[in-house]
């Protein structure tokens, strides 16, 4: 029997994980678990894929999701060849595109850009990353992956490793974890890449956390590793000081308990050694694969509802 939803998703924007309750998150994950390719489900629907920043996994998984449900995709990757290079405003660009599409999936370097577009157009907008701010669909696939391997989203010890200052994936995930019970966070980062105070304020009194510069992976159920993001640093010298600060290699993995899983939003550079891929802990390519059913579920929900 097809999964029914308790929520009215049709026409809704997906901008920030802050907008979703635990029940709504679980609703999406339940749909993702049950959804299957259906070439008739979104036939006649068009997704505009607007990627102002580079993307491999997010853009291609959204495209794959739309195609598997029978929809079509238009859009661009980078602004070359568009009227944006002529000086067209973001507002005019999206007001034009909404005449061609039924949903907009957008990645943009400016924080708050997704909300701006959602306020501008009348079709649903899905945020595929706005600067260092939010990446809600990544968070949903992260939670989907954690639940798949641990069979729960409560009572977990989770380590977030690397660039916690600029990493929108860890910002979104940390906020999402406030919806669940008995979560403990270990925030592992260089001192100048600590989790922003605004995020810590949201955790306070809800999710216990500790901050450390030591790569301590002991007793964790989930280790979520992030890349040190060179493109986010205003000063290249500051990046050089922290490049390669943490490397998850075979020696580091000796700290992991047998049931622990390693996640990474990818792309990786040198923060997880390639020989770690063969370990049973390594679940980051499963994580990538899970992006397709999660995004299929979201597209189905916002375009046709239950």
C-alpha atoms as a PDB file:
ATOM      1  CA  UNK A   1       0.000   0.000   0.000  1.00  0.00           C
ATOM      2  CA  UNK A   2       1.318   3.458  -0.880  1.00  0.00           C
ATOM      3  CA  UNK A   3       2.510   5.597   2.005  1.00  0.00           C
ATOM      4  CA  UNK A   4      -0.042   8.253   2.961  1.00  0.00           C
ATOM      5  CA  UNK A   5       1.035  11.558   4.408  1.00  0.00           C
ATOM      6  CA  UNK A   6      -0.419  13.360   7.401  1.00  0.00           C
ATOM      7  CA  UNK A   7       0.815  16.685   6.066  1.00  0.00           C
ATOM      8  CA  UNK A   8      -0.156  18.969   3.218  1.00  0.00           C
ATOM      9  CA  UNK A   9       3.152  19.115   1.338  1.00  0.00           C
ATOM     10  CA  UNK A  10       1.796  20.098  -2.070  1.00  0.00           C
ATOM     11  CA  UNK A  11       3.178  23.471  -3.183  1.00  0.00           C
ATOM     12  CA  UNK A  12       5.354  23.789  -0.085  1.00  0.00           C
ATOM     13  CA  UNK A  13       8.902  25.174  -0.112  1.00  0.00           C
ATOM     14  CA  UNK A  14      11.784  23.199   1.425  1.00  0.00           C
ATOM     15  CA  UNK A  15      14.150  25.961   2.522  1.00  0.00           C
ATOM     16  CA  UNK A  16      15.492  25.164   5.978  1.00  0.00           C
ATOM     17  CA  UNK A  17      15.502  22.121   8.207  1.00  0.00           C
ATOM     18  CA  UNK A  18      14.294  24.521  10.924  1.00  0.00           C
ATOM     19  CA  UNK A  19      10.914  24.547   9.200  1.00  0.00           C
ATOM     20  CA  UNK A  20      10.399  20.801   9.691  1.00  0.00           C
ATOM     21  CA  UNK A  21       9.151  19.095  12.835  1.00  0.00           C
ATOM     22  CA  UNK A  22      10.213  15.605  13.851  1.00  0.00           C
ATOM     23  CA  UNK A  23       6.924  14.280  12.495  1.00  0.00           C
ATOM     24  CA  UNK A  24       7.468  15.974   9.134  1.00  0.00           C
ATOM     25  CA  UNK A  25      11.025  14.657   8.901  1.00  0.00           C
ATOM     26  CA  UNK A  26       9.802  11.148   9.643  1.00  0.00           C
ATOM     27  CA  UNK A  27       7.026  11.563   7.062  1.00  0.00           C
ATOM     28  CA  UNK A  28       9.589  12.338   4.343  1.00  0.00           C
ATOM     29  CA  UNK A  29      11.825   9.451   5.429  1.00  0.00           C
ATOM     30  CA  UNK A  30       8.891   7.024   5.405  1.00  0.00           C
ATOM     31  CA  UNK A  31       7.986   8.112   1.878  1.00  0.00           C
ATOM     32  CA  UNK A  32      11.617   7.745   0.794  1.00  0.00           C
ATOM     33  CA  UNK A  33      11.767   4.234   2.205  1.00  0.00           C
ATOM     34  CA  UNK A  34       8.730   3.126   0.208  1.00  0.00           C
ATOM     35  CA  UNK A  35       8.985   5.123  -3.011  1.00  0.00           C
ATOM     36  CA  UNK A  36       9.791   3.303  -6.233  1.00  0.00           C
ATOM     37  CA  UNK A  37      10.421   4.512  -9.808  1.00  0.00           C
ATOM     38  CA  UNK A  38       7.134   5.371 -11.507  1.00  0.00           C
ATOM     39  CA  UNK A  39       7.281   6.890 -15.009  1.00  0.00           C
ATOM     40  CA  UNK A  40       3.708   8.174 -14.652  1.00  0.00           C
ATOM     41  CA  UNK A  41       3.846   9.860 -11.253  1.00  0.00           C
ATOM     42  CA  UNK A  42       5.259  13.216 -12.401  1.00  0.00           C
ATOM     43  CA  UNK A  43       4.607  12.981 -16.117  1.00  0.00           C
ATOM     44  CA  UNK A  44       4.093  16.470 -17.528  1.00  0.00           C
ATOM     45  CA  UNK A  45       5.914  18.110 -14.585  1.00  0.00           C
ATOM     46  CA  UNK A  46       9.088  20.164 -15.126  1.00  0.00           C
ATOM     47  CA  UNK A  47      11.849  20.762 -12.592  1.00  0.00           C
ATOM     48  CA  UNK A  48      14.104  23.804 -13.032  1.00  0.00           C
ATOM     49  CA  UNK A  49      17.589  22.900 -11.794  1.00  0.00           C
ATOM     50  CA  UNK A  50      19.382  26.191 -11.073  1.00  0.00           C
ATOM     51  CA  UNK A  51      22.917  25.620  -9.846  1.00  0.00           C
ATOM     52  CA  UNK A  52      24.856  28.844  -9.460  1.00  0.00           C
ATOM     53  CA  UNK A  53      27.589  26.857  -7.665  1.00  0.00           C
ATOM     54  CA  UNK A  54      29.289  23.609  -8.724  1.00  0.00           C
ATOM     55  CA  UNK A  55      27.574  20.360  -7.768  1.00  0.00           C
ATOM     56  CA  UNK A  56      27.872  16.723  -8.700  1.00  0.00           C
ATOM     57  CA  UNK A  57      25.806  14.624  -6.282  1.00  0.00           C
ATOM     58  CA  UNK A  58      23.000  17.037  -5.433  1.00  0.00           C
ATOM     59  CA  UNK A  59      22.333  18.159  -8.984  1.00  0.00           C
ATOM     60  CA  UNK A  60      22.565  14.708 -10.548  1.00  0.00           C
ATOM     61  CA  UNK A  61      20.531  12.997  -7.838  1.00  0.00           C
ATOM     62  CA  UNK A  62      17.709  15.538  -8.222  1.00  0.00           C
ATOM     63  CA  UNK A  63      17.824  15.006 -11.988  1.00  0.00           C
ATOM     64  CA  UNK A  64      17.797  11.228 -11.522  1.00  0.00           C
ATOM     65  CA  UNK A  65      14.917  11.499  -9.045  1.00  0.00           C
ATOM     66  CA  UNK A  66      12.828  13.577 -11.450  1.00  0.00           C
ATOM     67  CA  UNK A  67      13.502  11.270 -14.380  1.00  0.00           C
ATOM     68  CA  UNK A  68      12.611   8.150 -12.369  1.00  0.00           C
ATOM     69  CA  UNK A  69       9.219   9.668 -11.633  1.00  0.00           C
ATOM     70  CA  UNK A  70       8.545  10.555 -15.264  1.00  0.00           C
ATOM     71  CA  UNK A  71       9.220  14.311 -15.037  1.00  0.00           C
ATOM     72  CA  UNK A  72      11.498  16.510 -17.113  1.00  0.00           C
ATOM     73  CA  UNK A  73      14.404  18.773 -16.164  1.00  0.00           C
ATOM     74  CA  UNK A  74      15.540  22.153 -17.454  1.00  0.00           C
ATOM     75  CA  UNK A  75      18.133  24.511 -16.047  1.00  0.00           C
ATOM     76  CA  UNK A  76      21.821  25.291 -15.862  1.00  0.00           C
ATOM     77  CA  UNK A  77      25.032  24.529 -14.009  1.00  0.00           C
ATOM     78  CA  UNK A  78      27.001  27.730 -13.702  1.00  0.00           C
ATOM     79  CA  UNK A  79      25.811  31.019 -15.140  1.00  0.00           C
ATOM     80  CA  UNK A  80      27.811  31.077 -18.379  1.00  0.00           C
ATOM     81  CA  UNK A  81      25.427  31.108 -21.317  1.00  0.00           C
ATOM     82  CA  UNK A  82      22.603  32.672 -19.302  1.00  0.00           C
ATOM     83  CA  UNK A  83      21.384  36.254 -19.063  1.00  0.00           C
ATOM     84  CA  UNK A  84      22.874  36.454 -15.575  1.00  0.00           C
ATOM     85  CA  UNK A  85      26.232  37.243 -17.181  1.00  0.00           C
ATOM     86  CA  UNK A  86      24.519  40.227 -18.822  1.00  0.00           C
ATOM     87  CA  UNK A  87      23.568  41.565 -15.418  1.00  0.00           C
ATOM     88  CA  UNK A  88      20.089  40.106 -15.022  1.00  0.00           C
ATOM     89  CA  UNK A  89      18.988  40.048 -11.379  1.00  0.00           C
ATOM     90  CA  UNK A  90      18.240  36.853  -9.495  1.00  0.00           C
ATOM     91  CA  UNK A  91      14.689  38.091  -9.062  1.00  0.00           C
ATOM     92  CA  UNK A  92      14.113  38.490 -12.799  1.00  0.00           C
ATOM     93  CA  UNK A  93      15.804  35.172 -13.552  1.00  0.00           C
ATOM     94  CA  UNK A  94      13.535  33.157 -11.286  1.00  0.00           C
ATOM     95  CA  UNK A  95      10.402  35.091 -12.209  1.00  0.00           C
ATOM     96  CA  UNK A  96      11.114  34.091 -15.800  1.00  0.00           C
ATOM     97  CA  UNK A  97      11.875  30.472 -14.989  1.00  0.00           C
ATOM     98  CA  UNK A  98       8.703  29.965 -12.958  1.00  0.00           C
ATOM     99  CA  UNK A  99       6.821  30.432 -16.245  1.00  0.00           C
ATOM    100  CA  UNK A 100       8.546  27.311 -17.577  1.00  0.00           C
ATOM    101  CA  UNK A 101       8.637  24.980 -14.569  1.00  0.00           C
ATOM    102  CA  UNK A 102       6.571  23.480 -11.761  1.00  0.00           C
ATOM    103  CA  UNK A 103       9.320  23.425  -9.110  1.00  0.00           C
ATOM    104  CA  UNK A 104      12.699  25.142  -8.658  1.00  0.00           C
ATOM    105  CA  UNK A 105      15.698  23.348  -7.147  1.00  0.00           C
ATOM    106  CA  UNK A 106      18.430  25.931  -6.537  1.00  0.00           C
ATOM    107  CA  UNK A 107      21.966  26.159  -5.203  1.00  0.00           C
ATOM    108  CA  UNK A 108      23.363  29.642  -4.725  1.00  0.00           C
ATOM    109  CA  UNK A 109      26.434  31.035  -2.921  1.00  0.00           C
ATOM    110  CA  UNK A 110      24.527  33.710  -0.976  1.00  0.00           C
ATOM    111  CA  UNK A 111      23.014  32.862   2.397  1.00  0.00           C
ATOM    112  CA  UNK A 112      19.300  33.554   2.381  1.00  0.00           C
ATOM    113  CA  UNK A 113      19.013  33.332  -1.412  1.00  0.00           C
ATOM    114  CA  UNK A 114      16.680  30.330  -1.295  1.00  0.00           C
ATOM    115  CA  UNK A 115      14.225  32.141   0.952  1.00  0.00           C
ATOM    116  CA  UNK A 116      14.444  35.207  -1.284  1.00  0.00           C
ATOM    117  CA  UNK A 117      13.516  33.106  -4.317  1.00  0.00           C
ATOM    118  CA  UNK A 118      10.707  31.368  -2.426  1.00  0.00           C
ATOM    119  CA  UNK A 119       9.304  34.785  -1.546  1.00  0.00           C
ATOM    120  CA  UNK A 120       9.560  35.870  -5.206  1.00  0.00           C
ATOM    121  CA  UNK A 121       7.931  32.985  -7.079  1.00  0.00           C
ATOM    122  CA  UNK A 122       4.643  31.122  -6.710  1.00  0.00           C
ATOM    123  CA  UNK A 123       5.917  27.601  -7.425  1.00  0.00           C
ATOM    124  CA  UNK A 124       7.648  25.486  -4.748  1.00  0.00           C
ATOM    125  CA  UNK A 125      11.356  26.056  -4.157  1.00  0.00           C
ATOM    126  CA  UNK A 126      13.737  23.408  -2.809  1.00  0.00           C
ATOM    127  CA  UNK A 127      16.977  24.701  -1.331  1.00  0.00           C
ATOM    128  CA  UNK A 128      19.955  22.710  -2.623  1.00  0.00           C
ATOM    129  CA  UNK A 129      22.380  24.815  -0.572  1.00  0.00           C
ATOM    130  CA  UNK A 130      22.603  28.546   0.063  1.00  0.00           C
ATOM    131  CA  UNK A 131      26.163  29.506   0.912  1.00  0.00           C
ATOM    132  CA  UNK A 132      27.253  28.352   4.382  1.00  0.00           C
ATOM    133  CA  UNK A 133      23.667  28.446   5.613  1.00  0.00           C
ATOM    134  CA  UNK A 134      21.422  25.415   4.976  1.00  0.00           C
ATOM    135  CA  UNK A 135      21.260  22.203   2.946  1.00  0.00           C
ATOM    136  CA  UNK A 136      18.003  20.576   4.081  1.00  0.00           C
ATOM    137  CA  UNK A 137      17.784  17.788   1.502  1.00  0.00           C
ATOM    138  CA  UNK A 138      21.318  16.658   2.376  1.00  0.00           C
ATOM    139  CA  UNK A 139      20.243  16.510   6.010  1.00  0.00           C
ATOM    140  CA  UNK A 140      17.221  14.397   5.171  1.00  0.00           C
ATOM    141  CA  UNK A 141      19.391  11.893   3.300  1.00  0.00           C
ATOM    142  CA  UNK A 142      21.881  11.932   6.205  1.00  0.00           C
ATOM    143  CA  UNK A 143      19.084  11.061   8.632  1.00  0.00           C
ATOM    144  CA  UNK A 144      17.753   8.434   6.213  1.00  0.00           C
ATOM    145  CA  UNK A 145      21.220   6.827   6.144  1.00  0.00           C
ATOM    146  CA  UNK A 146      21.654   6.912   9.919  1.00  0.00           C
ATOM    147  CA  UNK A 147      18.244   5.315  10.418  1.00  0.00           C
ATOM    148  CA  UNK A 148      18.972   2.676   7.783  1.00  0.00           C
ATOM    149  CA  UNK A 149      22.097   1.442   9.551  1.00  0.00           C
ATOM    150  CA  UNK A 150      21.189   2.072  13.204  1.00  0.00           C
ATOM    151  CA  UNK A 151      17.417   1.477  12.954  1.00  0.00           C
ATOM    152  CA  UNK A 152      16.785   4.599  15.023  1.00  0.00           C
ATOM    153  CA  UNK A 153      17.300   8.351  15.229  1.00  0.00           C
ATOM    154  CA  UNK A 154      17.176   8.588  19.027  1.00  0.00           C
ATOM    155  CA  UNK A 155      19.822   7.653  21.611  1.00  0.00           C
ATOM    156  CA  UNK A 156      22.890   8.293  19.446  1.00  0.00           C
ATOM    157  CA  UNK A 157      26.340   9.732  20.020  1.00  0.00           C
ATOM    158  CA  UNK A 158      27.383  11.652  16.918  1.00  0.00           C
ATOM    159  CA  UNK A 159      30.708  13.276  16.080  1.00  0.00           C
ATOM    160  CA  UNK A 160      30.894  16.148  13.590  1.00  0.00           C
ATOM    161  CA  UNK A 161      34.426  16.534  12.255  1.00  0.00           C
ATOM    162  CA  UNK A 162      36.198  19.235  10.260  1.00  0.00           C
ATOM    163  CA  UNK A 163      34.838  22.537   8.979  1.00  0.00           C
ATOM    164  CA  UNK A 164      32.009  23.283  11.370  1.00  0.00           C
ATOM    165  CA  UNK A 165      32.124  27.036  10.753  1.00  0.00           C
ATOM    166  CA  UNK A 166      31.354  27.125   7.025  1.00  0.00           C
ATOM    167  CA  UNK A 167      29.867  23.640   6.580  1.00  0.00           C
ATOM    168  CA  UNK A 168      26.180  24.039   5.755  1.00  0.00           C
ATOM    169  CA  UNK A 169      25.678  20.260   5.962  1.00  0.00           C
ATOM    170  CA  UNK A 170      26.707  20.115   9.629  1.00  0.00           C
ATOM    171  CA  UNK A 171      24.697  23.254  10.419  1.00  0.00           C
ATOM    172  CA  UNK A 172      21.545  21.647   9.029  1.00  0.00           C
ATOM    173  CA  UNK A 173      22.247  18.276  10.638  1.00  0.00           C
ATOM    174  CA  UNK A 174      22.928  19.756  14.073  1.00  0.00           C
ATOM    175  CA  UNK A 175      19.637  21.660  13.965  1.00  0.00           C
ATOM    176  CA  UNK A 176      17.738  18.573  12.788  1.00  0.00           C
ATOM    177  CA  UNK A 177      19.111  16.531  15.676  1.00  0.00           C
ATOM    178  CA  UNK A 178      17.364  18.835  18.155  1.00  0.00           C
ATOM    179  CA  UNK A 179      14.150  17.112  17.036  1.00  0.00           C
ATOM    180  CA  UNK A 180      15.275  13.761  18.454  1.00  0.00           C
ATOM    181  CA  UNK A 181      15.814  12.325  21.941  1.00  0.00           C
ATOM    182  CA  UNK A 182      18.980  11.398  23.817  1.00  0.00           C
ATOM    183  CA  UNK A 183      21.379  12.786  21.215  1.00  0.00           C
ATOM    184  CA  UNK A 184      24.923  13.715  22.209  1.00  0.00           C
ATOM    185  CA  UNK A 185      27.198  15.697  19.897  1.00  0.00           C
ATOM    186  CA  UNK A 186      30.987  15.826  19.860  1.00  0.00           C
ATOM    187  CA  UNK A 187      32.116  18.816  17.798  1.00  0.00           C
ATOM    188  CA  UNK A 188      35.637  18.200  16.491  1.00  0.00           C
ATOM    189  CA  UNK A 189      37.279  21.086  14.661  1.00  0.00           C
ATOM    190  CA  UNK A 190      40.247  23.454  14.603  1.00  0.00           C
ATOM    191  CA  UNK A 191      39.666  26.396  16.966  1.00  0.00           C
ATOM    192  CA  UNK A 192      39.019  28.817  14.085  1.00  0.00           C
ATOM    193  CA  UNK A 193      36.474  26.483  12.458  1.00  0.00           C
ATOM    194  CA  UNK A 194      34.226  25.865  15.453  1.00  0.00           C
ATOM    195  CA  UNK A 195      30.475  25.621  15.150  1.00  0.00           C
ATOM    196  CA  UNK A 196      28.943  29.135  14.891  1.00  0.00           C
ATOM    197  CA  UNK A 197      27.529  30.534  18.152  1.00  0.00           C
ATOM    198  CA  UNK A 198      24.068  30.840  16.586  1.00  0.00           C
ATOM    199  CA  UNK A 199      23.949  27.071  16.014  1.00  0.00           C
ATOM    200  CA  UNK A 200      25.261  26.343  19.507  1.00  0.00           C
ATOM    201  CA  UNK A 201      22.529  28.557  20.901  1.00  0.00           C
ATOM    202  CA  UNK A 202      19.932  26.376  19.172  1.00  0.00           C
ATOM    203  CA  UNK A 203      21.511  23.254  20.677  1.00  0.00           C
ATOM    204  CA  UNK A 204      21.702  24.671  24.209  1.00  0.00           C
ATOM    205  CA  UNK A 205      19.462  22.880  26.658  1.00  0.00           C
ATOM    206  CA  UNK A 206      18.274  20.421  24.013  1.00  0.00           C
ATOM    207  CA  UNK A 207      21.291  18.509  22.685  1.00  0.00           C
ATOM    208  CA  UNK A 208      24.321  18.116  24.977  1.00  0.00           C
ATOM    209  CA  UNK A 209      27.538  18.854  23.111  1.00  0.00           C
ATOM    210  CA  UNK A 210      31.265  19.082  23.692  1.00  0.00           C
ATOM    211  CA  UNK A 211      33.868  20.902  21.619  1.00  0.00           C
ATOM    212  CA  UNK A 212      37.382  19.633  21.049  1.00  0.00           C
ATOM    213  CA  UNK A 213      40.297  20.016  18.642  1.00  0.00           C
ATOM    214  CA  UNK A 214      41.351  16.412  19.266  1.00  0.00           C
ATOM    215  CA  UNK A 215      40.338  13.729  16.781  1.00  0.00           C
ATOM    216  CA  UNK A 216      38.549  11.606  19.374  1.00  0.00           C
ATOM    217  CA  UNK A 217      36.273   9.039  17.714  1.00  0.00           C
ATOM    218  CA  UNK A 218      35.780   6.755  20.712  1.00  0.00           C
ATOM    219  CA  UNK A 219      32.268   5.643  21.707  1.00  0.00           C
ATOM    220  CA  UNK A 220      30.587   7.359  18.748  1.00  0.00           C
ATOM    221  CA  UNK A 221      27.727   5.784  16.812  1.00  0.00           C
ATOM    222  CA  UNK A 222      28.119   8.138  13.840  1.00  0.00           C
ATOM    223  CA  UNK A 223      31.194  10.035  12.634  1.00  0.00           C
ATOM    224  CA  UNK A 224      30.243  12.736  10.131  1.00  0.00           C
ATOM    225  CA  UNK A 225      33.350  14.050   8.388  1.00  0.00           C
ATOM    226  CA  UNK A 226      33.443  17.283   6.377  1.00  0.00           C
ATOM    227  CA  UNK A 227      35.892  18.810   3.950  1.00  0.00           C
ATOM    228  CA  UNK A 228      37.807  21.956   4.877  1.00  0.00           C
ATOM    229  CA  UNK A 229      36.141  24.225   2.321  1.00  0.00           C
ATOM    230  CA  UNK A 230      38.783  26.320   0.605  1.00  0.00           C
ATOM    231  CA  UNK A 231      36.173  28.268  -1.381  1.00  0.00           C
ATOM    232  CA  UNK A 232      34.508  29.596   1.793  1.00  0.00           C
ATOM    233  CA  UNK A 233      37.637  31.180   3.280  1.00  0.00           C
ATOM    234  CA  UNK A 234      37.951  34.953   2.809  1.00  0.00           C
ATOM    235  CA  UNK A 235      41.704  34.634   3.497  1.00  0.00           C
ATOM    236  CA  UNK A 236      43.647  31.857   1.726  1.00  0.00           C
ATOM    237  CA  UNK A 237      46.341  31.988   4.426  1.00  0.00           C
ATOM    238  CA  UNK A 238      43.768  30.997   7.026  1.00  0.00           C
ATOM    239  CA  UNK A 239      42.809  28.020   4.867  1.00  0.00           C
ATOM    240  CA  UNK A 240      46.423  26.899   4.550  1.00  0.00           C
ATOM    241  CA  UNK A 241      46.713  26.828   8.357  1.00  0.00           C
ATOM    242  CA  UNK A 242      43.969  24.226   8.709  1.00  0.00           C
ATOM    243  CA  UNK A 243      44.237  22.265   5.463  1.00  0.00           C
ATOM    244  CA  UNK A 244      44.552  18.584   6.291  1.00  0.00           C
ATOM    245  CA  UNK A 245      43.871  19.188   9.978  1.00  0.00           C
ATOM    246  CA  UNK A 246      42.130  15.826  10.312  1.00  0.00           C
ATOM    247  CA  UNK A 247      42.646  12.650   8.325  1.00  0.00           C
ATOM    248  CA  UNK A 248      40.486   9.607   8.932  1.00  0.00           C
ATOM    249  CA  UNK A 249      42.900   6.797   8.101  1.00  0.00           C
ATOM    250  CA  UNK A 250      43.093   3.147   9.143  1.00  0.00           C
ATOM    251  CA  UNK A 251      44.896   4.072  12.356  1.00  0.00           C
ATOM    252  CA  UNK A 252      42.204   6.598  13.322  1.00  0.00           C
ATOM    253  CA  UNK A 253      39.509   4.028  12.585  1.00  0.00           C
ATOM    254  CA  UNK A 254      40.916   1.756  15.268  1.00  0.00           C
ATOM    255  CA  UNK A 255      39.131   4.066  17.712  1.00  0.00           C
ATOM    256  CA  UNK A 256      35.730   3.259  16.201  1.00  0.00           C
ATOM    257  CA  UNK A 257      33.427   0.774  17.869  1.00  0.00           C
ATOM    258  CA  UNK A 258      32.266  -2.058  15.579  1.00  0.00           C
ATOM    259  CA  UNK A 259      28.787  -0.609  14.972  1.00  0.00           C
ATOM    260  CA  UNK A 260      29.959   2.952  14.207  1.00  0.00           C
ATOM    261  CA  UNK A 261      29.347   4.365  10.745  1.00  0.00           C
ATOM    262  CA  UNK A 262      31.407   6.913   8.839  1.00  0.00           C
ATOM    263  CA  UNK A 263      29.524   9.504   6.797  1.00  0.00           C
ATOM    264  CA  UNK A 264      30.700  12.330   4.531  1.00  0.00           C
ATOM    265  CA  UNK A 265      28.585  14.663   2.343  1.00  0.00           C
ATOM    266  CA  UNK A 266      31.327  14.557  -0.318  1.00  0.00           C
ATOM    267  CA  UNK A 267      33.321  15.620  -2.214  1.00  0.00           C
ATOM    268  CA  UNK A 268      36.295  14.582  -0.146  1.00  0.00           C
ATOM    269  CA  UNK A 269      39.820  15.798  -0.688  1.00  0.00           C
ATOM    270  CA  UNK A 270      42.215  14.164   1.765  1.00  0.00           C
ATOM    271  CA  UNK A 271      40.180  13.953   4.972  1.00  0.00           C
ATOM    272  CA  UNK A 272      39.269  10.261   4.520  1.00  0.00           C
ATOM    273  CA  UNK A 273      41.996   7.984   3.203  1.00  0.00           C
ATOM    274  CA  UNK A 274      40.910   5.827   0.227  1.00  0.00           C
ATOM    275  CA  UNK A 275      41.798   2.573   2.004  1.00  0.00           C
ATOM    276  CA  UNK A 276      39.115   3.356   4.596  1.00  0.00           C
ATOM    277  CA  UNK A 277      36.498   2.778   1.871  1.00  0.00           C
ATOM    278  CA  UNK A 278      36.820  -0.986   2.307  1.00  0.00           C
ATOM    279  CA  UNK A 279      35.991  -0.897   6.023  1.00  0.00           C
ATOM    280  CA  UNK A 280      32.485  -1.885   7.162  1.00  0.00           C
ATOM    281  CA  UNK A 281      32.229   1.511   8.876  1.00  0.00           C
ATOM    282  CA  UNK A 282      32.391   3.391   5.563  1.00  0.00           C
ATOM    283  CA  UNK A 283      28.849   4.290   4.510  1.00  0.00           C
ATOM    284  CA  UNK A 284      29.391   7.533   2.562  1.00  0.00           C
ATOM    285  CA  UNK A 285      28.708   5.992  -0.844  1.00  0.00           C
ATOM    286  CA  UNK A 286      25.519   4.425   0.529  1.00  0.00           C
ATOM    287  CA  UNK A 287      24.738   7.933   1.778  1.00  0.00           C
ATOM    288  CA  UNK A 288      25.130   9.267  -1.767  1.00  0.00           C
ATOM    289  CA  UNK A 289      22.833   6.577  -3.151  1.00  0.00           C
ATOM    290  CA  UNK A 290      20.191   7.455  -0.562  1.00  0.00           C
ATOM    291  CA  UNK A 291      19.936  10.945  -2.046  1.00  0.00           C
ATOM    292  CA  UNK A 292      17.833   9.608  -4.907  1.00  0.00           C
ATOM    293  CA  UNK A 293      14.896   8.106  -2.943  1.00  0.00           C
ATOM    294  CA  UNK A 294      14.872  11.040  -0.521  1.00  0.00           C
ATOM    295  CA  UNK A 295      14.701  13.548  -3.365  1.00  0.00           C
ATOM    296  CA  UNK A 296      12.160  11.430  -5.231  1.00  0.00           C
ATOM    297  CA  UNK A 297       9.988  11.580  -2.116  1.00  0.00           C
ATOM    298  CA  UNK A 298      10.371  15.357  -1.783  1.00  0.00           C
ATOM    299  CA  UNK A 299       9.577  16.038  -5.444  1.00  0.00           C
ATOM    300  CA  UNK A 300       6.535  13.783  -5.294  1.00  0.00           C
ATOM    301  CA  UNK A 301       5.275  15.412  -2.091  1.00  0.00           C
ATOM    302  CA  UNK A 302       5.646  19.058  -3.170  1.00  0.00           C
ATOM    303  CA  UNK A 303       4.305  18.457  -6.694  1.00  0.00           C
ATOM    304  CA  UNK A 304       1.397  16.058  -6.208  1.00  0.00           C
ATOM    305  CA  UNK A 305       1.105  15.522  -2.464  1.00  0.00           C
ATOM    306  CA  UNK A 306       0.193  12.120  -1.038  1.00  0.00           C
END
